[in-house]
Protein backbone atom coordinates (compact mmCIF):
# COMPACT_ATOMS: atom_id res chain seq x y z
CA UNK A 1 0.00 0.00 0.00
CA UNK A 2 1.63 3.22 -1.11
CA UNK A 3 -1.28 5.61 -1.56
CA UNK A 4 -1.01 8.32 1.08
CA UNK A 5 -4.76 8.46 1.66
CA UNK A 6 -4.97 4.68 2.12
CA UNK A 7 -2.07 4.74 4.56
CA UNK A 8 -3.64 7.62 6.48
CA UNK A 9 -6.99 5.78 6.61
CA UNK A 10 -5.36 2.57 7.87
CA UNK A 11 -3.40 4.40 10.59
CA UNK A 12 -6.60 6.20 11.63
CA UNK A 13 -8.40 2.85 11.87
CA UNK A 14 -5.57 1.40 13.97
CA UNK A 15 -5.66 4.40 16.32
CA UNK A 16 -9.44 4.05 16.59
CA UNK A 17 -9.01 0.39 17.61
CA UNK A 18 -6.42 1.48 20.16
CA UNK A 19 -9.19 3.29 22.02
CA UNK A 20 -9.93 -0.14 23.50
CA UNK A 21 -6.73 0.26 25.58
CA UNK A 22 -5.93 3.99 25.57
CA UNK A 23 -8.03 7.08 26.19
CA UNK A 24 -8.21 9.53 23.29
CA UNK A 25 -5.90 12.06 24.94
CA UNK A 26 -3.13 9.42 25.14
CA UNK A 27 -3.59 8.55 21.46
CA UNK A 28 -3.51 12.24 20.54
CA UNK A 29 -0.41 12.89 22.64
CA UNK A 30 1.75 9.86 21.84
CA UNK A 31 0.58 8.34 18.57
CA UNK A 32 -0.55 11.29 16.46
CA UNK A 33 3.11 12.30 16.02
CA UNK A 34 3.53 9.24 13.75
CA UNK A 35 2.70 8.86 10.07
CA UNK A 36 2.25 5.47 8.45
CA UNK A 37 4.69 5.64 5.53
CA UNK A 38 4.73 2.00 4.43
CA UNK A 39 2.42 -0.99 4.69
CA UNK A 40 2.64 -4.09 2.54
CA UNK A 41 0.70 -6.64 4.55
CA UNK A 42 3.82 -8.03 6.25
CA UNK A 43 5.50 -4.81 7.35
CA UNK A 44 4.24 -1.51 8.74
CA UNK A 45 6.57 1.47 9.08
CA UNK A 46 5.59 4.46 11.20
CA UNK A 47 7.67 7.62 11.08
CA UNK A 48 8.01 10.74 13.24
CA UNK A 49 10.39 13.63 13.73
CA UNK A 50 9.76 13.86 17.49
CA UNK A 51 12.71 12.05 19.15
CA UNK A 52 11.40 12.43 22.70
CA UNK A 53 8.02 10.82 22.00
CA UNK A 54 9.63 8.29 19.66
CA UNK A 55 11.85 6.92 22.43
CA UNK A 56 8.91 6.51 24.79
CA UNK A 57 6.60 4.94 22.20
CA UNK A 58 9.20 2.47 20.90
CA UNK A 59 10.08 1.35 24.43
CA UNK A 60 6.60 1.21 25.94
CA UNK A 61 4.00 0.84 23.19
CA UNK A 62 5.45 -0.93 20.14
CA UNK A 63 3.94 -4.30 20.98
CA UNK A 64 0.52 -2.70 21.44
CA UNK A 65 0.84 -0.93 18.10
CA UNK A 66 1.63 -4.27 16.45
CA UNK A 67 -1.36 -5.85 18.19
CA UNK A 68 -3.74 -3.20 16.90
CA UNK A 69 -2.39 -3.48 13.36
CA UNK A 70 -3.21 -7.19 13.61
CA UNK A 71 -6.70 -6.47 14.97
CA UNK A 72 -7.41 -3.83 12.32
CA UNK A 73 -5.66 -5.16 9.22
CA UNK A 74 -5.31 -8.87 9.97
CA UNK A 75 -1.56 -8.38 9.88
CA UNK A 76 0.83 -10.15 12.23
CA UNK A 77 4.00 -8.92 10.61
CA UNK A 78 6.87 -6.68 11.46
CA UNK A 79 6.25 -3.25 12.94
CA UNK A 80 8.95 -0.60 12.64
CA UNK A 81 9.23 2.87 14.09
CA UNK A 82 11.54 5.49 12.60
CA UNK A 83 12.54 8.89 13.85
CA UNK A 84 13.64 11.15 11.02
CA UNK A 85 17.16 12.41 11.56
CA UNK A 86 17.74 10.27 14.65
CA UNK A 87 17.87 6.65 13.52
CA UNK A 88 17.39 4.59 10.41
CA UNK A 89 14.99 1.89 11.56
CA UNK A 90 14.32 0.30 14.84
CA UNK A 91 14.85 -3.47 14.91
CA UNK A 92 11.76 -5.51 15.46
CA UNK A 93 11.20 -6.79 18.99
CA UNK A 94 9.87 -10.20 18.08
């Protein structure tokens, strides 16, 4: 999936599913800084330029993000987080 609108719609659907675990203010604060830049059914790549939030999300919420991609898109693949200008790609934590 490379269409920006499709990627945006999928990430919105994932964040909506995350409301099962997180209140909206948490989603707005921690997850809205990310943009889904790649999704091919086996790999999802989220990107941000906010290093502070990136470090917290990758260390505390990556597994939950993967879970909600699986719930929303039927995908049990690799989830990656990137912070522009800070790191290339985070290794998967599988």
